[in-house]
Amino acid sequence: MKRYSVKSRTGKIEFFDILSESDEGFRIRLTKLNEGSRRIIEETMSKSLFDMCVKSGYIFELENASASVA
């Protein structure tokens, strides 16, 4: 499973895991950590949005997903 970090200006920690891939895009699990609370959302991300976010540096793949956040 690949994990991506989301760039944040507020200092909040946000990352997502790709759960599955289809022709339309990706099913992701987004996790937001803020002041001791955790919010998890599952949603779909289109391939075009994903590609744009990677190219702009808004998201980037984490090298070792299993050790990045417990």
C-alpha atoms as a PDB file:
ATOM      1  CA  MET A   1       0.000   0.000   0.000  1.00  0.00           C
ATOM      2  CA  LYS A   2       1.385   3.400  -0.932  1.00  0.00           C
ATOM      3  CA  ARG A   3       1.150   6.326   1.494  1.00  0.00           C
ATOM      4  CA  TYR A   4       1.286   9.974   0.492  1.00  0.00           C
ATOM      5  CA  SER A   5       1.810  13.032   2.662  1.00  0.00           C
ATOM      6  CA  VAL A   6      -0.309  16.137   2.063  1.00  0.00           C
ATOM      7  CA  LYS A   7       1.496  19.480   2.299  1.00  0.00           C
ATOM      8  CA  SER A   8      -0.106  21.660   4.961  1.00  0.00           C
ATOM      9  CA  ARG A   9       0.433  25.324   5.816  1.00  0.00           C
ATOM     10  CA  THR A  10      -1.285  25.016   9.194  1.00  0.00           C
ATOM     11  CA  GLY A  11       1.118  22.458  10.626  1.00  0.00           C
ATOM     12  CA  LYS A  12      -1.527  19.750  10.737  1.00  0.00           C
ATOM     13  CA  ILE A  13      -0.416  16.270   9.722  1.00  0.00           C
ATOM     14  CA  GLU A  14      -2.368  14.856   6.788  1.00  0.00           C
ATOM     15  CA  PHE A  15      -1.645  11.747   4.776  1.00  0.00           C
ATOM     16  CA  PHE A  16      -3.527   9.193   2.711  1.00  0.00           C
ATOM     17  CA  ASP A  17      -3.215   5.576   1.716  1.00  0.00           C
ATOM     18  CA  ILE A  18      -4.271   4.307  -1.698  1.00  0.00           C
ATOM     19  CA  LEU A  19      -6.721   1.487  -1.057  1.00  0.00           C
ATOM     20  CA  SER A  20      -7.518   0.580  -4.679  1.00  0.00           C
ATOM     21  CA  GLU A  21      -7.175   1.847  -8.235  1.00  0.00           C
ATOM     22  CA  SER A  22      -9.708   1.866 -11.081  1.00  0.00           C
ATOM     23  CA  ASP A  23      -9.903   3.421 -14.543  1.00  0.00           C
ATOM     24  CA  GLU A  24     -11.517   6.535 -13.017  1.00  0.00           C
ATOM     25  CA  GLY A  25      -9.062   7.057 -10.172  1.00  0.00           C
ATOM     26  CA  PHE A  26      -8.125   5.937  -6.688  1.00  0.00           C
ATOM     27  CA  ARG A  27     -10.014   4.966  -3.559  1.00  0.00           C
ATOM     28  CA  ILE A  28      -8.110   6.597  -0.685  1.00  0.00           C
ATOM     29  CA  ARG A  29      -8.191   6.708   3.103  1.00  0.00           C
ATOM     30  CA  LEU A  30      -7.293  10.240   4.235  1.00  0.00           C
ATOM     31  CA  THR A  31      -6.078  10.690   7.809  1.00  0.00           C
ATOM     32  CA  LYS A  32      -5.906  14.095   9.510  1.00  0.00           C
ATOM     33  CA  LEU A  33      -4.110  14.470  12.847  1.00  0.00           C
ATOM     34  CA  ASN A  34      -4.695  17.697  14.775  1.00  0.00           C
ATOM     35  CA  GLU A  35      -4.058  18.466  18.443  1.00  0.00           C
ATOM     36  CA  GLY A  36      -4.426  14.876  19.567  1.00  0.00           C
ATOM     37  CA  SER A  37      -7.486  14.078  17.476  1.00  0.00           C
ATOM     38  CA  ARG A  38      -7.614  11.800  14.438  1.00  0.00           C
ATOM     39  CA  ARG A  39     -10.111  12.089  11.579  1.00  0.00           C
ATOM     40  CA  ILE A  40     -10.273   9.386   8.910  1.00  0.00           C
ATOM     41  CA  ILE A  41     -12.186   9.809   5.650  1.00  0.00           C
ATOM     42  CA  GLU A  42     -12.497   7.397   2.726  1.00  0.00           C
ATOM     43  CA  GLU A  43     -13.151   8.947  -0.669  1.00  0.00           C
ATOM     44  CA  THR A  44     -12.337   8.800  -4.370  1.00  0.00           C
ATOM     45  CA  MET A  45      -9.638  10.882  -6.073  1.00  0.00           C
ATOM     46  CA  SER A  46      -9.533  11.186  -9.852  1.00  0.00           C
ATOM     47  CA  LYS A  47      -6.321  10.314 -11.660  1.00  0.00           C
ATOM     48  CA  SER A  48      -6.091  13.818 -13.118  1.00  0.00           C
ATOM     49  CA  LEU A  49      -6.325  15.424  -9.654  1.00  0.00           C
ATOM     50  CA  PHE A  50      -3.787  12.962  -8.275  1.00  0.00           C
ATOM     51  CA  ASP A  51      -1.332  13.693 -11.122  1.00  0.00           C
ATOM     52  CA  MET A  52      -1.762  17.462 -10.704  1.00  0.00           C
ATOM     53  CA  CYS A  53      -1.124  17.229  -6.928  1.00  0.00           C
ATOM     54  CA  VAL A  54       2.044  15.155  -7.431  1.00  0.00           C
ATOM     55  CA  LYS A  55       3.396  17.502 -10.126  1.00  0.00           C
ATOM     56  CA  SER A  56       2.744  20.597  -7.984  1.00  0.00           C
ATOM     57  CA  GLY A  57       4.333  19.036  -4.882  1.00  0.00           C
ATOM     58  CA  TYR A  58       1.092  19.249  -2.878  1.00  0.00           C
ATOM     59  CA  ILE A  59       1.348  15.506  -2.219  1.00  0.00           C
ATOM     60  CA  PHE A  60       4.401  13.282  -2.194  1.00  0.00           C
ATOM     61  CA  GLU A  61       4.967   9.583  -1.633  1.00  0.00           C
ATOM     62  CA  LEU A  62       6.416   8.557   1.718  1.00  0.00           C
ATOM     63  CA  GLU A  63       9.305   6.129   1.409  1.00  0.00           C
ATOM     64  CA  ASN A  64       8.394   3.717   4.202  1.00  0.00           C
ATOM     65  CA  ALA A  65       4.629   3.799   4.800  1.00  0.00           C
ATOM     66  CA  SER A  66       4.649   1.258   7.623  1.00  0.00           C
ATOM     67  CA  ALA A  67       7.027   3.350   9.740  1.00  0.00           C
ATOM     68  CA  SER A  68       5.737   6.823   8.877  1.00  0.00           C
ATOM     69  CA  VAL A  69       2.777   7.124  11.275  1.00  0.00           C
ATOM     70  CA  ALA A  70       1.475   4.527  13.677  1.00  0.00           C
END
